PDB file of N, CA and C in Angstrom:
ATOM      1  N   MET A   1     -28.610  14.999  -8.996  1.00  0.00           N
ATOM      2  CA  MET A   1     -27.465  15.879  -7.538  1.00  0.00           C
ATOM      3  C   MET A   1     -28.979  16.194  -6.648  1.00  0.00           C
ATOM      4  N   LYS A   2     -28.523  16.130  -5.530  1.00  0.00           N
ATOM      5  CA  LYS A   2     -29.494  16.902  -4.638  1.00  0.00           C
ATOM      6  C   LYS A   2     -28.804  18.481  -4.508  1.00  0.00           C
ATOM      7  N   VAL A   3     -29.494  19.169  -4.708  1.00  0.00           N
ATOM      8  CA  VAL A   3     -29.790  20.927  -4.284  1.00  0.00           C
ATOM      9  C   VAL A   3     -30.432  21.153  -3.171  1.00  0.00           C
ATOM     10  N   PRO A   4     -29.546  21.591  -2.280  1.00  0.00           N
ATOM     11  CA  PRO A   4     -30.370  22.195  -0.901  1.00  0.00           C
ATOM     12  C   PRO A   4     -31.630  23.408  -1.346  1.00  0.00           C
ATOM     13  N   LYS A   5     -32.707  23.261  -0.665  1.00  0.00           N
ATOM     14  CA  LYS A   5     -33.916  24.272  -0.913  1.00  0.00           C
ATOM     15  C   LYS A   5     -33.656  25.746  -0.161  1.00  0.00           C
ATOM     16  N   VAL A   6     -32.037  25.736   0.543  1.00  0.00           N
ATOM     17  CA  VAL A   6     -31.986  26.874   0.928  1.00  0.00           C
ATOM     18  C   VAL A   6     -30.399  27.445   0.847  1.00  0.00           C
ATOM     19  N   ILE A   7     -29.861  28.005   0.255  1.00  0.00           N
ATOM     20  CA  ILE A   7     -28.462  28.194   0.554  1.00  0.00           C
ATOM     21  C   ILE A   7     -27.809  29.764   0.550  1.00  0.00           C
ATOM     22  N   ARG A   8     -27.083  30.143   1.263  1.00  0.00           N
ATOM     23  CA  ARG A   8     -26.256  31.059   1.870  1.00  0.00           C
ATOM     24  C   ARG A   8     -25.676  31.483   1.217  1.00  0.00           C
ATOM     25  N   THR A   9     -25.993  32.336   0.146  1.00  0.00           N
ATOM     26  CA  THR A   9     -24.765  33.070  -0.881  1.00  0.00           C
ATOM     27  C   THR A   9     -24.571  34.257  -0.717  1.00  0.00           C
ATOM     28  N   TYR A  10     -24.018  34.834  -1.704  1.00  0.00           N
ATOM     29  CA  TYR A  10     -23.838  36.724  -1.631  1.00  0.00           C
ATOM     30  C   TYR A  10     -24.818  37.219  -2.714  1.00  0.00           C
ATOM     31  N   CYS A  11     -25.505  38.549  -2.304  1.00  0.00           N
ATOM     32  CA  CYS A  11     -26.603  39.051  -2.607  1.00  0.00           C
ATOM     33  C   CYS A  11     -25.688  40.463  -3.352  1.00  0.00           C
ATOM     34  N   PRO A  12     -26.224  40.364  -4.278  1.00  0.00           N
ATOM     35  CA  PRO A  12     -25.393  41.872  -5.081  1.00  0.00           C
ATOM     36  C   PRO A  12     -25.967  43.258  -4.568  1.00  0.00           C
ATOM     37  N   ARG A  13     -27.674  42.946  -4.275  1.00  0.00           N
ATOM     38  CA  ARG A  13     -28.189  43.914  -4.182  1.00  0.00           C
ATOM     39  C   ARG A  13     -28.330  44.486  -2.348  1.00  0.00           C
ATOM     40  N   CYS A  14     -28.020  43.051  -1.644  1.00  0.00           N
ATOM     41  CA  CYS A  14     -27.945  43.549   0.098  1.00  0.00           C
ATOM     42  C   CYS A  14     -26.365  43.762   0.201  1.00  0.00           C
ATOM     43  N   LYS A  15     -25.377  43.513  -0.932  1.00  0.00           N
ATOM     44  CA  LYS A  15     -24.053  43.661  -1.089  1.00  0.00           C
ATOM     45  C   LYS A  15     -22.916  42.523   0.438  1.00  0.00           C
ATOM     46  N   THR A  16     -23.911  41.414   0.740  1.00  0.00           N
ATOM     47  CA  THR A  16     -23.400  40.792   2.145  1.00  0.00           C
ATOM     48  C   THR A  16     -24.128  39.366   1.625  1.00  0.00           C
ATOM     49  N   HIS A  17     -24.077  38.645   2.459  1.00  0.00           N
ATOM     50  CA  HIS A  17     -23.986  36.904   2.234  1.00  0.00           C
ATOM     51  C   HIS A  17     -25.942  36.696   3.296  1.00  0.00           C
ATOM     52  N   THR A  18     -26.600  36.368   2.148  1.00  0.00           N
ATOM     53  CA  THR A  18     -28.110  36.199   2.701  1.00  0.00           C
ATOM     54  C   THR A  18     -28.422  34.732   2.421  1.00  0.00           C
ATOM     55  N   GLU A  19     -29.558  34.273   3.321  1.00  0.00           N
ATOM     56  CA  GLU A  19     -30.035  32.946   2.757  1.00  0.00           C
ATOM     57  C   GLU A  19     -31.039  33.485   1.421  1.00  0.00           C
ATOM     58  N   HIS A  20     -30.665  32.434   0.399  1.00  0.00           N
ATOM     59  CA  HIS A  20     -31.562  32.217  -0.438  1.00  0.00           C
ATOM     60  C   HIS A  20     -32.457  30.863  -0.984  1.00  0.00           C
ATOM     61  N   SER A  21     -33.491  31.075  -1.212  1.00  0.00           N
ATOM     62  CA  SER A  21     -34.572  30.475  -1.300  1.00  0.00           C
ATOM     63  C   SER A  21     -33.850  29.750  -2.930  1.00  0.00           C
ATOM     64  N   VAL A  22     -34.052  28.124  -3.175  1.00  0.00           N
ATOM     65  CA  VAL A  22     -33.305  27.554  -4.201  1.00  0.00           C
ATOM     66  C   VAL A  22     -34.787  27.389  -5.216  1.00  0.00           C
ATOM     67  N   SER A  23     -34.844  27.708  -6.757  1.00  0.00           N
ATOM     68  CA  SER A  23     -35.882  26.980  -7.520  1.00  0.00           C
ATOM     69  C   SER A  23     -34.860  27.052  -8.654  1.00  0.00           C
ATOM     70  N   ILE A  24     -35.716  25.960  -9.876  1.00  0.00           N
ATOM     71  CA  ILE A  24     -35.141  25.603 -11.355  1.00  0.00           C
ATOM     72  C   ILE A  24     -35.469  26.496 -12.138  1.00  0.00           C
ATOM     73  N   TYR A  25     -34.889  27.481 -12.784  1.00  0.00           N
ATOM     74  CA  TYR A  25     -35.517  28.153 -13.474  1.00  0.00           C
ATOM     75  C   TYR A  25     -36.047  27.633 -14.915  1.00  0.00           C
ATOM     76  N   LYS A  26     -36.908  27.617 -15.002  1.00  0.00           N
ATOM     77  CA  LYS A  26     -37.736  27.214 -16.344  1.00  0.00           C
ATOM     78  C   LYS A  26     -37.787  28.921 -17.177  1.00  0.00           C
ATOM     79  N   HIS A  27     -37.549  28.256 -18.585  1.00  0.00           N
ATOM     80  CA  HIS A  27     -37.495  29.630 -19.605  1.00  0.00           C
ATOM     81  C   HIS A  27     -39.242  29.857 -20.019  1.00  0.00           C
ATOM     82  N   GLY A  28     -39.795  30.994 -20.364  1.00  0.00           N
ATOM     83  CA  GLY A  28     -40.574  31.449 -20.487  1.00  0.00           C
ATOM     84  C   GLY A  28     -41.067  30.789 -21.935  1.00  0.00           C
ATOM     85  N   ARG A  29     -42.532  30.989 -22.467  1.00  0.00           N
ATOM     86  CA  ARG A  29     -42.960  30.974 -24.068  1.00  0.00           C
ATOM     87  C   ARG A  29     -42.188  31.952 -24.859  1.00  0.00           C
ATOM     88  N   ARG A  30     -41.633  31.628 -26.212  1.00  0.00           N
ATOM     89  CA  ARG A  30     -41.015  32.811 -26.702  1.00  0.00           C
ATOM     90  C   ARG A  30     -42.058  33.520 -27.051  1.00  0.00           C
ATOM     91  N   ARG A  31     -41.878  34.879 -27.444  1.00  0.00           N
ATOM     92  CA  ARG A  31     -43.007  36.104 -28.024  1.00  0.00           C
ATOM     93  C   ARG A  31     -42.970  35.662 -29.543  1.00  0.00           C
ATOM     94  N   VAL A  32     -43.868  35.698 -30.037  1.00  0.00           N
ATOM     95  CA  VAL A  32     -44.231  35.530 -31.350  1.00  0.00           C
ATOM     96  C   VAL A  32     -43.947  36.658 -32.260  1.00  0.00           C
ATOM     97  N   LEU A  33     -44.124  37.678 -31.454  1.00  0.00           N
ATOM     98  CA  LEU A  33     -44.232  38.946 -32.220  1.00  0.00           C
ATOM     99  C   LEU A  33     -42.773  39.245 -32.247  1.00  0.00           C
ATOM    100  N   ALA A  34     -41.683  38.982 -31.456  1.00  0.00           N
ATOM    101  CA  ALA A  34     -40.701  39.104 -31.376  1.00  0.00           C
ATOM    102  C   ALA A  34     -39.105  39.447 -32.779  1.00  0.00           C
ATOM    103  N   GLU A  35     -38.624  40.286 -33.198  1.00  0.00           N
ATOM    104  CA  GLU A  35     -37.911  40.484 -34.166  1.00  0.00           C
ATOM    105  C   GLU A  35     -37.262  38.843 -34.465  1.00  0.00           C
ATOM    106  N   GLY A  36     -36.371  38.485 -33.445  1.00  0.00           N
ATOM    107  CA  GLY A  36     -35.683  37.394 -33.705  1.00  0.00           C
ATOM    108  C   GLY A  36     -36.376  36.168 -34.324  1.00  0.00           C
ATOM    109  N   GLU A  37     -37.810  36.321 -33.714  1.00  0.00           N
ATOM    110  CA  GLU A  37     -39.021  35.347 -33.976  1.00  0.00           C
ATOM    111  C   GLU A  37     -39.192  35.638 -35.278  1.00  0.00           C
ATOM    112  N   ARG A  38     -39.819  36.199 -35.616  1.00  0.00           N
ATOM    113  CA  ARG A  38     -40.042  36.844 -37.139  1.00  0.00           C
ATOM    114  C   ARG A  38     -39.224  36.856 -38.361  1.00  0.00           C
ATOM    115  N   ARG A  39     -37.772  37.188 -37.960  1.00  0.00           N
ATOM    116  CA  ARG A  39     -37.150  36.554 -39.047  1.00  0.00           C
ATOM    117  C   ARG A  39     -36.541  35.155 -38.992  1.00  0.00           C
ATOM    118  N   TYR A  40     -36.645  34.197 -37.846  1.00  0.00           N
ATOM    119  CA  TYR A  40     -36.623  32.848 -38.409  1.00  0.00           C
ATOM    120  C   TYR A  40     -37.602  32.384 -39.028  1.00  0.00           C
ATOM    121  N   ARG A  41     -38.839  32.948 -39.026  1.00  0.00           N
ATOM    122  CA  ARG A  41     -40.130  32.259 -39.519  1.00  0.00           C
ATOM    123  C   ARG A  41     -39.884  32.474 -40.819  1.00  0.00           C
ATOM    124  N   ARG A  42     -39.455  33.654 -40.796  1.00  0.00           N
ATOM    125  CA  ARG A  42     -39.561  33.976 -42.163  1.00  0.00           C
ATOM    126  C   ARG A  42     -38.414  33.253 -43.339  1.00  0.00           C
ATOM    127  N   LYS A  43     -37.520  32.728 -42.661  1.00  0.00           N
ATOM    128  CA  LYS A  43     -36.439  32.382 -43.184  1.00  0.00           C
ATOM    129  C   LYS A  43     -36.742  30.812 -43.218  1.00  0.00           C
ATOM    130  N   GLN A  44     -37.670  30.140 -42.920  1.00  0.00           N
ATOM    131  CA  GLN A  44     -37.719  28.708 -42.644  1.00  0.00           C
ATOM    132  C   GLN A  44     -38.742  29.016 -43.729  1.00  0.00           C
ATOM    133  N   LYS A  45     -39.796  29.395 -43.777  1.00  0.00           N
ATOM    134  CA  LYS A  45     -41.154  29.439 -45.014  1.00  0.00           C
ATOM    135  C   LYS A  45     -40.647  29.794 -46.372  1.00  0.00           C
ATOM    136  N   GLY A  46     -41.585  28.714 -47.179  1.00  0.00           N
ATOM    137  CA  GLY A  46     -40.740  28.919 -48.822  1.00  0.00           C
ATOM    138  C   GLY A  46     -40.200  27.598 -49.364  1.00  0.00           C
ATOM    139  N   TYR A  47     -40.637  27.501 -50.394  1.00  0.00           N
ATOM    140  CA  TYR A  47     -40.225  26.476 -51.385  1.00  0.00           C
ATOM    141  C   TYR A  47     -38.643  25.867 -51.154  1.00  0.00           C
ATOM    142  N   GLY A  48     -37.943  26.335 -50.358  1.00  0.00           N
ATOM    143  CA  GLY A  48     -36.416  26.015 -50.445  1.00  0.00           C
ATOM    144  C   GLY A  48     -36.644  25.176 -49.490  1.00  0.00           C
ATOM    145  N   SER A  49     -35.152  24.838 -49.144  1.00  0.00           N
ATOM    146  CA  SER A  49     -34.933  23.647 -48.083  1.00  0.00           C
ATOM    147  C   SER A  49     -34.933  24.525 -46.686  1.00  0.00           C
ATOM    148  N   LYS A  50     -34.625  23.356 -45.614  1.00  0.00           N
ATOM    149  CA  LYS A  50     -34.405  24.008 -44.372  1.00  0.00           C
ATOM    150  C   LYS A  50     -33.501  24.652 -44.464  1.00  0.00           C
ATOM    151  N   ARG A  51     -33.553  26.100 -43.380  1.00  0.00           N
ATOM    152  CA  ARG A  51     -31.956  26.530 -43.497  1.00  0.00           C
ATOM    153  C   ARG A  51     -30.890  25.833 -42.746  1.00  0.00           C
ATOM    154  N   LYS A  52     -31.398  25.230 -42.107  1.00  0.00           N
ATOM    155  CA  LYS A  52     -30.224  24.135 -41.127  1.00  0.00           C
ATOM    156  C   LYS A  52     -30.686  22.559 -41.102  1.00  0.00           C
ATOM    157  N   PRO A  53     -29.741  22.018 -41.299  1.00  0.00           N
ATOM    158  CA  PRO A  53     -30.085  20.603 -41.370  1.00  0.00           C
ATOM    159  C   PRO A  53     -30.701  20.021 -40.410  1.00  0.00           C
ATOM    160  N   GLU A  54     -31.581  18.852 -40.792  1.00  0.00           N
ATOM    161  CA  GLU A  54     -32.287  18.226 -39.089  1.00  0.00           C
ATOM    162  C   GLU A  54     -31.792  17.276 -38.530  1.00  0.00           C
ATOM    163  N   GLN A  55     -31.679  17.824 -37.170  1.00  0.00           N
ATOM    164  CA  GLN A  55     -30.789  16.667 -36.406  1.00  0.00           C
ATOM    165  C   GLN A  55     -31.144  15.213 -36.336  1.00  0.00           C
ATOM    166  N   LYS A  56     -30.433  14.629 -36.471  1.00  0.00           N
ATOM    167  CA  LYS A  56     -30.814  12.776 -36.463  1.00  0.00           C
ATOM    168  C   LYS A  56     -30.927  12.209 -35.446  1.00  0.00           C
ATOM    169  N   ARG A  57     -29.908  12.427 -34.579  1.00  0.00           N
ATOM    170  CA  ARG A  57     -29.901  11.903 -33.024  1.00  0.00           C
ATOM    171  C   ARG A  57     -29.000  13.082 -32.334  1.00  0.00           C
ATOM    172  N   PHE A  58     -29.694  12.742 -30.988  1.00  0.00           N
ATOM    173  CA  PHE A  58     -29.120  13.771 -30.225  1.00  0.00           C
ATOM    174  C   PHE A  58     -27.810  13.816 -30.098  1.00  0.00           C
ATOM    175  N   ALA A  59     -27.190  15.204 -30.037  1.00  0.00           N
ATOM    176  CA  ALA A  59     -25.539  14.598 -29.682  1.00  0.00           C
ATOM    177  C   ALA A  59     -24.965  14.689 -27.763  1.00  0.00           C
ATOM    178  N   LYS A  60     -26.210  15.244 -27.450  1.00  0.00           N
ATOM    179  CA  LYS A  60     -25.946  15.223 -26.105  1.00  0.00           C
ATOM    180  C   LYS A  60     -27.167  14.504 -24.875  1.00  0.00           C
ATOM    181  N   VAL A  61     -26.369  13.899 -23.552  1.00  0.00           N
ATOM    182  CA  VAL A  61     -27.790  12.934 -22.690  1.00  0.00           C
ATOM    183  C   VAL A  61     -28.295  14.371 -22.115  1.00  0.00           C
ATOM    184  N   THR A  62     -27.579  15.191 -21.695  1.00  0.00           N
ATOM    185  CA  THR A  62     -28.360  16.155 -20.822  1.00  0.00           C
ATOM    186  C   THR A  62     -28.023  17.490 -21.241  1.00  0.00           C
ATOM    187  N   LYS A  63     -29.352  18.484 -19.958  1.00  0.00           N
ATOM    188  CA  LYS A  63     -29.419  19.298 -20.725  1.00  0.00           C
ATOM    189  C   LYS A  63     -28.902  20.267 -19.194  1.00  0.00           C
ATOM    190  N   LYS A  64     -28.449  21.672 -19.721  1.00  0.00           N
ATOM    191  CA  LYS A  64     -27.968  22.545 -18.190  1.00  0.00           C
ATOM    192  C   LYS A  64     -29.120  22.847 -17.704  1.00  0.00           C
ATOM    193  N   VAL A  65     -29.184  22.643 -16.269  1.00  0.00           N
ATOM    194  CA  VAL A  65     -29.988  23.281 -15.573  1.00  0.00           C
ATOM    195  C   VAL A  65     -29.373  24.352 -14.422  1.00  0.00           C
ATOM    196  N   VAL A  66     -30.429  25.315 -14.803  1.00  0.00           N
ATOM    197  CA  VAL A  66     -30.300  26.668 -14.082  1.00  0.00           C
ATOM    198  C   VAL A  66     -30.875  26.930 -12.451  1.00  0.00           C
ATOM    199  N   LEU A  67     -29.655  27.167 -11.842  1.00  0.00           N
ATOM    200  CA  LEU A  67     -30.882  27.427 -10.485  1.00  0.00           C
ATOM    201  C   LEU A  67     -31.132  28.977 -10.455  1.00  0.00           C
ATOM    202  N   LYS A  68     -32.301  29.280  -9.782  1.00  0.00           N
ATOM    203  CA  LYS A  68     -33.073  30.599  -9.510  1.00  0.00           C
ATOM    204  C   LYS A  68     -32.799  30.990  -7.846  1.00  0.00           C
ATOM    205  N   LEU A  69     -32.154  31.525  -7.818  1.00  0.00           N
ATOM    206  CA  LEU A  69     -31.786  31.791  -6.451  1.00  0.00           C
ATOM    207  C   LEU A  69     -32.224  33.437  -5.949  1.00  0.00           C
ATOM    208  N   LYS A  70     -33.210  33.450  -4.467  1.00  0.00           N
ATOM    209  CA  LYS A  70     -34.087  34.387  -4.259  1.00  0.00           C
ATOM    210  C   LYS A  70     -33.707  34.980  -3.194  1.00  0.00           C
ATOM    211  N   CYS A  71     -33.492  36.147  -2.659  1.00  0.00           N
ATOM    212  CA  CYS A  71     -33.130  36.424  -1.510  1.00  0.00           C
ATOM    213  C   CYS A  71     -33.892  36.860  -0.753  1.00  0.00           C
ATOM    214  N   SER A  72     -33.936  36.338   1.067  1.00  0.00           N
ATOM    215  CA  SER A  72     -35.039  35.786   1.521  1.00  0.00           C
ATOM    216  C   SER A  72     -34.916  37.333   2.413  1.00  0.00           C
ATOM    217  N   LYS A  73     -34.214  38.379   2.173  1.00  0.00           N
ATOM    218  CA  LYS A  73     -33.685  39.616   2.829  1.00  0.00           C
ATOM    219  C   LYS A  73     -34.484  40.378   1.939  1.00  0.00           C
ATOM    220  N   CYS A  74     -34.402  40.934   0.793  1.00  0.00           N
ATOM    221  CA  CYS A  74     -34.507  42.146  -0.151  1.00  0.00           C
ATOM    222  C   CYS A  74     -35.937  41.363  -1.938  1.00  0.00           C
ATOM    223  N   GLY A  75     -35.628  40.255  -1.548  1.00  0.00           N
ATOM    224  CA  GLY A  75     -36.012  39.371  -2.706  1.00  0.00           C
ATOM    225  C   GLY A  75     -35.337  39.941  -3.898  1.00  0.00           C
ATOM    226  N   PHE A  76     -34.218  39.885  -4.126  1.00  0.00           N
ATOM    227  CA  PHE A  76     -33.653  39.543  -5.560  1.00  0.00           C
ATOM    228  C   PHE A  76     -33.449  38.475  -6.088  1.00  0.00           C
ATOM    229  N   ILE A  77     -34.019  38.083  -7.372  1.00  0.00           N
ATOM    230  CA  ILE A  77     -33.731  37.132  -7.859  1.00  0.00           C
ATOM    231  C   ILE A  77     -32.404  37.180  -8.783  1.00  0.00           C
ATOM    232  N   SER A  78     -31.641  35.886  -8.792  1.00  0.00           N
ATOM    233  CA  SER A  78     -30.157  35.960  -9.566  1.00  0.00           C
ATOM    234  C   SER A  78     -30.299  34.839  -9.844  1.00  0.00           C
ATOM    235  N   HIS A  79     -29.300  34.277 -11.301  1.00  0.00           N
ATOM    236  CA  HIS A  79     -29.426  32.936 -11.652  1.00  0.00           C
ATOM    237  C   HIS A  79     -27.903  32.514 -11.525  1.00  0.00           C
ATOM    238  N   ARG A  80     -27.527  30.894 -11.141  1.00  0.00           N
ATOM    239  CA  ARG A  80     -26.702  30.577 -10.585  1.00  0.00           C
ATOM    240  C   ARG A  80     -26.411  29.678 -12.318  1.00  0.00           C
ATOM    241  N   GLU A  81     -25.322  29.736 -12.618  1.00  0.00           N
ATOM    242  CA  GLU A  81     -25.044  29.617 -14.053  1.00  0.00           C
ATOM    243  C   GLU A  81     -25.074  27.742 -14.618  1.00  0.00           C
ATOM    244  N   GLY A  82     -25.855  27.294 -15.183  1.00  0.00           N
ATOM    245  CA  GLY A  82     -26.146  26.188 -15.632  1.00  0.00           C
ATOM    246  C   GLY A  82     -24.865  25.119 -15.556  1.00  0.00           C
ATOM    247  N   ILE A  83     -25.342  23.664 -14.723  1.00  0.00           N
ATOM    248  CA  ILE A  83     -24.248  22.751 -15.312  1.00  0.00           C
ATOM    249  C   ILE A  83     -25.040  21.420 -15.752  1.00  0.00           C
ATOM    250  N   ARG A  84     -24.361  20.373 -16.349  1.00  0.00           N
ATOM    251  CA  ARG A  84     -25.150  19.409 -16.618  1.00  0.00           C
ATOM    252  C   ARG A  84     -25.019  18.451 -16.007  1.00  0.00           C
ATOM    253  N   LEU A  85     -26.814  18.374 -15.791  1.00  0.00           N
ATOM    254  CA  LEU A  85     -26.942  17.337 -14.998  1.00  0.00           C
ATOM    255  C   LEU A  85     -28.024  16.300 -15.145  1.00  0.00           C
ATOM    256  N   LYS A  86     -28.169  15.163 -15.435  1.00  0.00           N
ATOM    257  CA  LYS A  86     -29.247  14.065 -15.644  1.00  0.00           C
ATOM    258  C   LYS A  86     -30.584  14.338 -15.023  1.00  0.00           C
ATOM    259  N   LYS A  87     -30.130  14.517 -13.566  1.00  0.00           N
ATOM    260  CA  LYS A  87     -31.346  15.018 -12.689  1.00  0.00           C
ATOM    261  C   LYS A  87     -31.194  15.982 -11.694  1.00  0.00           C
ATOM    262  N   VAL A  88     -32.007  16.493 -11.291  1.00  0.00           N
ATOM    263  CA  VAL A  88     -32.206  17.522  -9.832  1.00  0.00           C
ATOM    264  C   VAL A  88     -33.088  16.981  -9.238  1.00  0.00           C
ATOM    265  N   GLU A  89     -32.679  17.477  -7.667  1.00  0.00           N
ATOM    266  CA  GLU A  89     -33.333  17.342  -6.875  1.00  0.00           C
ATOM    267  C   GLU A  89     -33.595  18.077  -5.803  1.00  0.00           C
ATOM    268  N   LEU A  90     -34.480  18.656  -5.475  1.00  0.00           N
ATOM    269  CA  LEU A  90     -34.621  19.944  -4.307  1.00  0.00           C
ATOM    270  C   LEU A  90     -34.794  19.418  -2.542  1.00  0.00           C
ATOM    271  N   VAL A  91     -33.658  19.754  -2.206  1.00  0.00           N
ATOM    272  CA  VAL A  91     -33.989  19.085  -0.896  1.00  0.00           C
ATOM    273  C   VAL A  91     -34.142  19.829   0.518  1.00  0.00           C
ATOM    274  N   GLU A  92     -34.384  19.839   1.380  1.00  0.00           N
ATOM    275  CA  GLU A  92     -34.906  20.506   2.823  1.00  0.00           C
ATOM    276  C   GLU A  92     -33.604  19.935   3.279  1.00  0.00           C
ATOM    277  N   VAL A  93     -32.375  21.002   3.839  1.00  0.00           N
ATOM    278  CA  VAL A  93     -31.212  20.279   4.771  1.00  0.00           C
ATOM    279  C   VAL A  93     -31.960  20.476   6.056  1.00  0.00           C
ATOM    280  N   VAL A  94     -31.524  19.185   6.831  1.00  0.00           N
ATOM    281  CA  VAL A  94     -31.750  19.614   8.308  1.00  0.00           C
ATOM    282  C   VAL A  94     -30.816  19.556   9.084  1.00  0.00           C
ATOM    283  N   LYS A  95     -30.875  20.635   9.997  1.00  0.00           N
ATOM    284  CA  LYS A  95     -29.511  20.777  10.771  1.00  0.00           C
ATOM    285  C   LYS A  95     -29.560  20.281  12.195  1.00  0.00           C
TER     286      LYS A  95
END
């Protein structure tokens, strides 16, 4: 799917429609010392079996792509809910 690099949409901080630059959201690395990560590692280690069965094959073909919108006026960043796509391409819209 082709997504324009600039979208005119509502900004909650400006409380009006402004132009937003679009990029694809990528999550950062998980923090090792976060409580959830420590709990997960504690449950995984030991002589017992894994706490969840290992997945033999992928159930889904696609991943959800989240768009990151940055307001050109105030710089406020918001995320647009992810939709399932095989391929995303940011394109420049010429008028």
